[in-house]
Amino acid sequence: MLAVYNYKPDEISYMSLPDGRADVWLRKSITETVGEDSNTVWECEEISFRTALTEEEIIENINVIWENGGPVIDEETEEEVADGVTLEQRVEANEEAIVELAELVAELAG
């Protein structure tokens, strides 16, 4: 979503809430321009969401969170997933890796 500010906004704004969650705004493509009233304004792409993730988790996974428009909710656990990979996807990947490893061991054993 396009957002316009009369000051240069931070790329990440993290506002802690009393319940342990936080309101978060992520911005990119921040550009300085001249507004309709001939004053300097800053335009950017922006997403916002409320989350239980820490600021560090958001920073570490900012690209995935941006692509998803916020944290992904794991349908099974109903928890937020910072990296966009649900528990079901993790289990599936592990099962595939075990099968591949078993096939490799069988091949090496002859």
N, C-alpha and C. Protein backbone atom coordinates (compact mmCIF):
# COMPACT_ATOMS: atom_id res chain seq x y z
N MET A 1 0.84 -1.15 0.00
CA MET A 1 0.00 0.00 0.00
C MET A 1 0.90 1.24 0.00
N LEU A 2 0.54 2.24 -0.77
CA LEU A 2 1.30 3.48 -0.82
C LEU A 2 0.98 4.32 0.41
N ALA A 3 2.01 4.82 1.06
CA ALA A 3 1.85 5.70 2.22
C ALA A 3 2.64 6.98 1.96
N VAL A 4 2.14 8.10 2.50
CA VAL A 4 2.79 9.39 2.34
C VAL A 4 2.98 10.01 3.72
N TYR A 5 4.19 10.49 3.97
CA TYR A 5 4.53 11.11 5.26
C TYR A 5 5.10 12.50 5.01
N ASN A 6 4.96 13.38 6.00
CA ASN A 6 5.58 14.70 5.92
C ASN A 6 6.96 14.71 6.59
N TYR A 7 7.43 13.53 6.97
CA TYR A 7 8.78 13.32 7.51
C TYR A 7 9.28 12.00 6.96
N LYS A 8 10.59 11.80 6.98
CA LYS A 8 11.14 10.55 6.45
C LYS A 8 10.87 9.43 7.47
N PRO A 9 10.06 8.44 7.11
CA PRO A 9 9.75 7.36 8.03
C PRO A 9 10.87 6.33 8.13
N ASP A 10 10.92 5.61 9.24
CA ASP A 10 11.87 4.51 9.40
C ASP A 10 11.41 3.33 8.55
N GLU A 11 12.35 2.48 8.15
CA GLU A 11 11.99 1.30 7.39
C GLU A 11 11.17 0.32 8.23
N ILE A 12 11.46 0.27 9.53
CA ILE A 12 10.72 -0.60 10.44
C ILE A 12 10.30 0.22 11.65
N SER A 13 9.01 0.17 11.98
CA SER A 13 8.52 0.77 13.22
C SER A 13 7.89 -0.35 14.03
N TYR A 14 8.34 -0.52 15.24
CA TYR A 14 7.89 -1.60 16.12
C TYR A 14 7.40 -0.96 17.42
N MET A 15 6.10 -1.04 17.68
CA MET A 15 5.54 -0.42 18.87
C MET A 15 4.98 -1.52 19.79
N SER A 16 5.68 -1.76 20.89
CA SER A 16 5.27 -2.79 21.85
C SER A 16 3.94 -2.40 22.50
N LEU A 17 3.13 -3.42 22.74
CA LEU A 17 1.83 -3.23 23.39
C LEU A 17 1.84 -3.89 24.76
N PRO A 18 0.97 -3.47 25.66
CA PRO A 18 0.97 -4.03 27.02
C PRO A 18 0.70 -5.54 27.07
N ASP A 19 0.02 -6.09 26.06
CA ASP A 19 -0.30 -7.52 26.09
C ASP A 19 0.83 -8.40 25.56
N GLY A 20 2.00 -7.82 25.26
CA GLY A 20 3.13 -8.59 24.78
C GLY A 20 3.24 -8.64 23.27
N ARG A 21 2.20 -8.20 22.59
CA ARG A 21 2.27 -8.14 21.13
C ARG A 21 2.80 -6.77 20.72
N ALA A 22 2.83 -6.53 19.42
CA ALA A 22 3.32 -5.24 18.93
C ALA A 22 2.61 -4.88 17.64
N ASP A 23 2.48 -3.58 17.41
CA ASP A 23 2.04 -3.09 16.11
C ASP A 23 3.30 -2.81 15.31
N VAL A 24 3.32 -3.26 14.06
CA VAL A 24 4.52 -3.16 13.23
C VAL A 24 4.16 -2.53 11.89
N TRP A 25 5.04 -1.65 11.42
CA TRP A 25 4.94 -1.07 10.09
C TRP A 25 6.26 -1.35 9.38
N LEU A 26 6.18 -1.94 8.20
CA LEU A 26 7.36 -2.19 7.37
C LEU A 26 7.22 -1.31 6.13
N ARG A 27 8.31 -0.65 5.79
CA ARG A 27 8.28 0.26 4.63
C ARG A 27 9.47 0.00 3.73
N LYS A 28 9.26 0.17 2.44
CA LYS A 28 10.37 0.09 1.50
C LYS A 28 10.11 1.06 0.36
N SER A 29 11.14 1.27 -0.44
CA SER A 29 11.09 2.23 -1.55
C SER A 29 10.71 3.62 -1.05
N ILE A 30 11.35 4.05 0.03
CA ILE A 30 11.08 5.38 0.60
C ILE A 30 11.75 6.42 -0.29
N THR A 31 10.93 7.31 -0.85
CA THR A 31 11.46 8.34 -1.74
C THR A 31 10.94 9.71 -1.35
N GLU A 32 11.83 10.68 -1.47
CA GLU A 32 11.48 12.06 -1.18
C GLU A 32 10.89 12.69 -2.44
N THR A 33 9.80 13.42 -2.29
CA THR A 33 9.15 14.05 -3.43
C THR A 33 8.47 15.34 -2.99
N VAL A 34 7.88 16.03 -3.90
CA VAL A 34 7.17 17.27 -3.59
C VAL A 34 5.67 16.98 -3.63
N GLY A 35 4.98 17.33 -2.55
CA GLY A 35 3.55 17.09 -2.46
C GLY A 35 2.74 18.14 -3.21
N GLU A 36 1.41 17.99 -3.18
CA GLU A 36 0.49 18.90 -3.86
C GLU A 36 0.62 20.34 -3.37
N ASP A 37 0.99 20.51 -2.11
CA ASP A 37 1.11 21.85 -1.53
C ASP A 37 2.54 22.39 -1.62
N SER A 38 3.35 21.79 -2.49
CA SER A 38 4.75 22.18 -2.73
C SER A 38 5.67 21.94 -1.53
N ASN A 39 5.22 21.17 -0.57
CA ASN A 39 6.06 20.79 0.56
C ASN A 39 6.71 19.44 0.27
N THR A 40 7.84 19.20 0.92
CA THR A 40 8.52 17.92 0.77
C THR A 40 7.74 16.85 1.53
N VAL A 41 7.53 15.71 0.86
CA VAL A 41 6.89 14.55 1.47
C VAL A 41 7.70 13.31 1.11
N TRP A 42 7.46 12.23 1.84
CA TRP A 42 8.12 10.96 1.56
C TRP A 42 7.03 9.94 1.26
N GLU A 43 7.20 9.24 0.15
CA GLU A 43 6.27 8.18 -0.25
C GLU A 43 6.98 6.84 -0.10
N CYS A 44 6.21 5.83 0.22
CA CYS A 44 6.79 4.49 0.36
C CYS A 44 5.70 3.44 0.23
N GLU A 45 6.15 2.22 -0.02
CA GLU A 45 5.27 1.07 0.07
C GLU A 45 5.26 0.67 1.54
N GLU A 46 4.08 0.32 2.07
CA GLU A 46 3.98 0.05 3.51
C GLU A 46 3.00 -1.08 3.77
N ILE A 47 3.38 -1.95 4.72
CA ILE A 47 2.43 -2.92 5.26
C ILE A 47 2.46 -2.76 6.78
N SER A 48 1.35 -3.09 7.41
CA SER A 48 1.30 -3.02 8.87
C SER A 48 0.51 -4.22 9.39
N PHE A 49 0.85 -4.63 10.61
CA PHE A 49 0.18 -5.78 11.21
C PHE A 49 0.44 -5.78 12.71
N ARG A 50 -0.36 -6.53 13.44
CA ARG A 50 -0.16 -6.76 14.87
C ARG A 50 0.39 -8.17 15.02
N THR A 51 1.40 -8.33 15.89
CA THR A 51 2.10 -9.61 15.95
C THR A 51 2.61 -9.91 17.35
N ALA A 52 2.89 -11.19 17.59
CA ALA A 52 3.56 -11.62 18.82
C ALA A 52 5.05 -11.83 18.57
N LEU A 53 5.50 -11.66 17.32
CA LEU A 53 6.91 -11.83 17.00
C LEU A 53 7.73 -10.70 17.60
N THR A 54 8.97 -11.01 17.91
CA THR A 54 9.87 -9.98 18.42
C THR A 54 10.38 -9.14 17.25
N GLU A 55 10.94 -8.00 17.58
CA GLU A 55 11.52 -7.15 16.54
C GLU A 55 12.66 -7.88 15.84
N GLU A 56 13.44 -8.65 16.59
CA GLU A 56 14.56 -9.40 16.02
C GLU A 56 14.06 -10.45 15.02
N GLU A 57 12.98 -11.15 15.37
CA GLU A 57 12.42 -12.16 14.46
C GLU A 57 11.94 -11.52 13.16
N ILE A 58 11.36 -10.34 13.29
CA ILE A 58 10.89 -9.64 12.10
C ILE A 58 12.07 -9.22 11.23
N ILE A 59 13.09 -8.66 11.84
CA ILE A 59 14.27 -8.21 11.09
C ILE A 59 14.93 -9.39 10.38
N GLU A 60 15.07 -10.53 11.07
CA GLU A 60 15.71 -11.71 10.49
C GLU A 60 14.94 -12.28 9.30
N ASN A 61 13.63 -12.07 9.28
CA ASN A 61 12.78 -12.68 8.25
C ASN A 61 11.99 -11.63 7.46
N ILE A 62 12.53 -10.43 7.37
CA ILE A 62 11.79 -9.31 6.80
C ILE A 62 11.34 -9.56 5.36
N ASN A 63 12.15 -10.20 4.55
CA ASN A 63 11.77 -10.43 3.15
C ASN A 63 10.57 -11.36 3.03
N VAL A 64 10.56 -12.44 3.79
CA VAL A 64 9.44 -13.39 3.76
C VAL A 64 8.19 -12.72 4.31
N ILE A 65 8.34 -12.00 5.40
CA ILE A 65 7.19 -11.32 6.00
C ILE A 65 6.62 -10.30 5.02
N TRP A 66 7.51 -9.55 4.36
CA TRP A 66 7.04 -8.56 3.37
C TRP A 66 6.27 -9.24 2.24
N GLU A 67 6.83 -10.32 1.70
CA GLU A 67 6.18 -11.04 0.59
C GLU A 67 4.80 -11.56 0.98
N ASN A 68 4.65 -11.98 2.24
CA ASN A 68 3.38 -12.53 2.71
C ASN A 68 2.43 -11.47 3.24
N GLY A 69 2.87 -10.23 3.32
CA GLY A 69 2.03 -9.16 3.86
C GLY A 69 1.90 -9.22 5.36
N GLY A 70 2.78 -9.96 6.01
CA GLY A 70 2.78 -10.14 7.46
C GLY A 70 3.20 -11.55 7.79
N PRO A 71 3.25 -11.88 9.07
CA PRO A 71 3.61 -13.24 9.46
C PRO A 71 2.58 -14.25 8.96
N VAL A 72 3.04 -15.45 8.65
CA VAL A 72 2.16 -16.54 8.24
C VAL A 72 1.62 -17.21 9.49
N ILE A 73 0.35 -17.60 9.46
CA ILE A 73 -0.25 -18.32 10.59
C ILE A 73 -0.27 -19.80 10.26
N ASP A 74 0.36 -20.61 11.10
CA ASP A 74 0.35 -22.05 10.94
C ASP A 74 -1.05 -22.54 11.32
N GLU A 75 -1.77 -23.13 10.36
CA GLU A 75 -3.15 -23.54 10.60
C GLU A 75 -3.26 -24.61 11.69
N GLU A 76 -2.23 -25.45 11.80
CA GLU A 76 -2.27 -26.53 12.78
C GLU A 76 -2.05 -26.03 14.19
N THR A 77 -1.06 -25.18 14.37
CA THR A 77 -0.73 -24.70 15.72
C THR A 77 -1.35 -23.34 16.02
N GLU A 78 -1.86 -22.66 14.97
CA GLU A 78 -2.42 -21.32 15.07
C GLU A 78 -1.42 -20.30 15.60
N GLU A 79 -0.13 -20.58 15.41
CA GLU A 79 0.92 -19.66 15.83
C GLU A 79 1.50 -18.94 14.62
N GLU A 80 2.04 -17.76 14.86
CA GLU A 80 2.69 -17.02 13.79
C GLU A 80 4.04 -17.65 13.46
N VAL A 81 4.35 -17.67 12.18
CA VAL A 81 5.60 -18.24 11.71
C VAL A 81 6.37 -17.12 11.01
N ALA A 82 7.50 -16.74 11.56
CA ALA A 82 8.26 -15.61 11.01
C ALA A 82 8.85 -15.93 9.65
N ASP A 83 9.34 -17.16 9.46
CA ASP A 83 10.04 -17.47 8.21
C ASP A 83 9.12 -18.00 7.11
N GLY A 84 7.82 -18.02 7.35
CA GLY A 84 6.87 -18.42 6.33
C GLY A 84 6.74 -19.91 6.12
N VAL A 85 7.42 -20.71 6.94
CA VAL A 85 7.36 -22.17 6.79
C VAL A 85 6.55 -22.73 7.96
N THR A 86 5.45 -23.39 7.63
CA THR A 86 4.57 -23.94 8.66
C THR A 86 5.12 -25.25 9.21
N LEU A 87 4.58 -25.67 10.34
CA LEU A 87 4.99 -26.93 10.95
C LEU A 87 4.75 -28.10 9.99
N GLU A 88 3.64 -28.09 9.30
CA GLU A 88 3.33 -29.16 8.34
C GLU A 88 4.39 -29.22 7.24
N GLN A 89 4.82 -28.05 6.75
CA GLN A 89 5.84 -28.02 5.70
C GLN A 89 7.18 -28.52 6.24
N ARG A 90 7.50 -28.20 7.48
CA ARG A 90 8.74 -28.67 8.09
C ARG A 90 8.74 -30.20 8.23
N VAL A 91 7.63 -30.75 8.70
CA VAL A 91 7.52 -32.20 8.87
C VAL A 91 7.64 -32.89 7.51
N GLU A 92 6.97 -32.34 6.51
CA GLU A 92 7.03 -32.92 5.17
C GLU A 92 8.46 -32.91 4.63
N ALA A 93 9.17 -31.81 4.81
CA ALA A 93 10.56 -31.72 4.35
C ALA A 93 11.44 -32.73 5.08
N ASN A 94 11.22 -32.90 6.39
CA ASN A 94 12.00 -33.87 7.16
C ASN A 94 11.72 -35.29 6.71
N GLU A 95 10.46 -35.60 6.44
CA GLU A 95 10.11 -36.94 5.98
C GLU A 95 10.76 -37.24 4.63
N GLU A 96 10.75 -36.27 3.74
CA GLU A 96 11.40 -36.46 2.43
C GLU A 96 12.90 -36.67 2.59
N ALA A 97 13.51 -35.92 3.50
CA ALA A 97 14.96 -36.07 3.73
C ALA A 97 15.28 -37.44 4.29
N ILE A 98 14.43 -37.97 5.17
CA ILE A 98 14.66 -39.29 5.75
C ILE A 98 14.56 -40.37 4.67
N VAL A 99 13.58 -40.25 3.80
CA VAL A 99 13.42 -41.21 2.71
C VAL A 99 14.65 -41.18 1.80
N GLU A 100 15.11 -39.98 1.44
CA GLU A 100 16.30 -39.85 0.58
C GLU A 100 17.53 -40.44 1.27
N LEU A 101 17.66 -40.20 2.56
CA LEU A 101 18.79 -40.74 3.30
C LEU A 101 18.72 -42.27 3.35
N ALA A 102 17.54 -42.82 3.58
CA ALA A 102 17.39 -44.27 3.63
C ALA A 102 17.73 -44.89 2.27
N GLU A 103 17.31 -44.23 1.18
CA GLU A 103 17.64 -44.72 -0.16
C GLU A 103 19.13 -44.68 -0.40
N LEU A 104 19.81 -43.64 0.05
CA LEU A 104 21.24 -43.51 -0.11
C LEU A 104 21.98 -44.58 0.69
N VAL A 105 21.55 -44.83 1.92
CA VAL A 105 22.17 -45.87 2.74
C VAL A 105 21.98 -47.24 2.10
N ALA A 106 20.77 -47.50 1.58
CA ALA A 106 20.52 -48.78 0.92
C ALA A 106 21.39 -48.95 -0.31
N GLU A 107 21.56 -47.87 -1.05
CA GLU A 107 22.40 -47.90 -2.26
C GLU A 107 23.86 -48.17 -1.90
N LEU A 108 24.34 -47.51 -0.86
CA LEU A 108 25.73 -47.70 -0.44
C LEU A 108 25.96 -49.09 0.15
N ALA A 109 24.94 -49.64 0.78
CA ALA A 109 25.07 -50.96 1.39
C ALA A 109 25.05 -52.07 0.32
N GLY A 110 24.61 -51.71 -0.84
CA GLY A 110 24.68 -52.63 -1.95
C GLY A 110 23.46 -53.41 -2.13
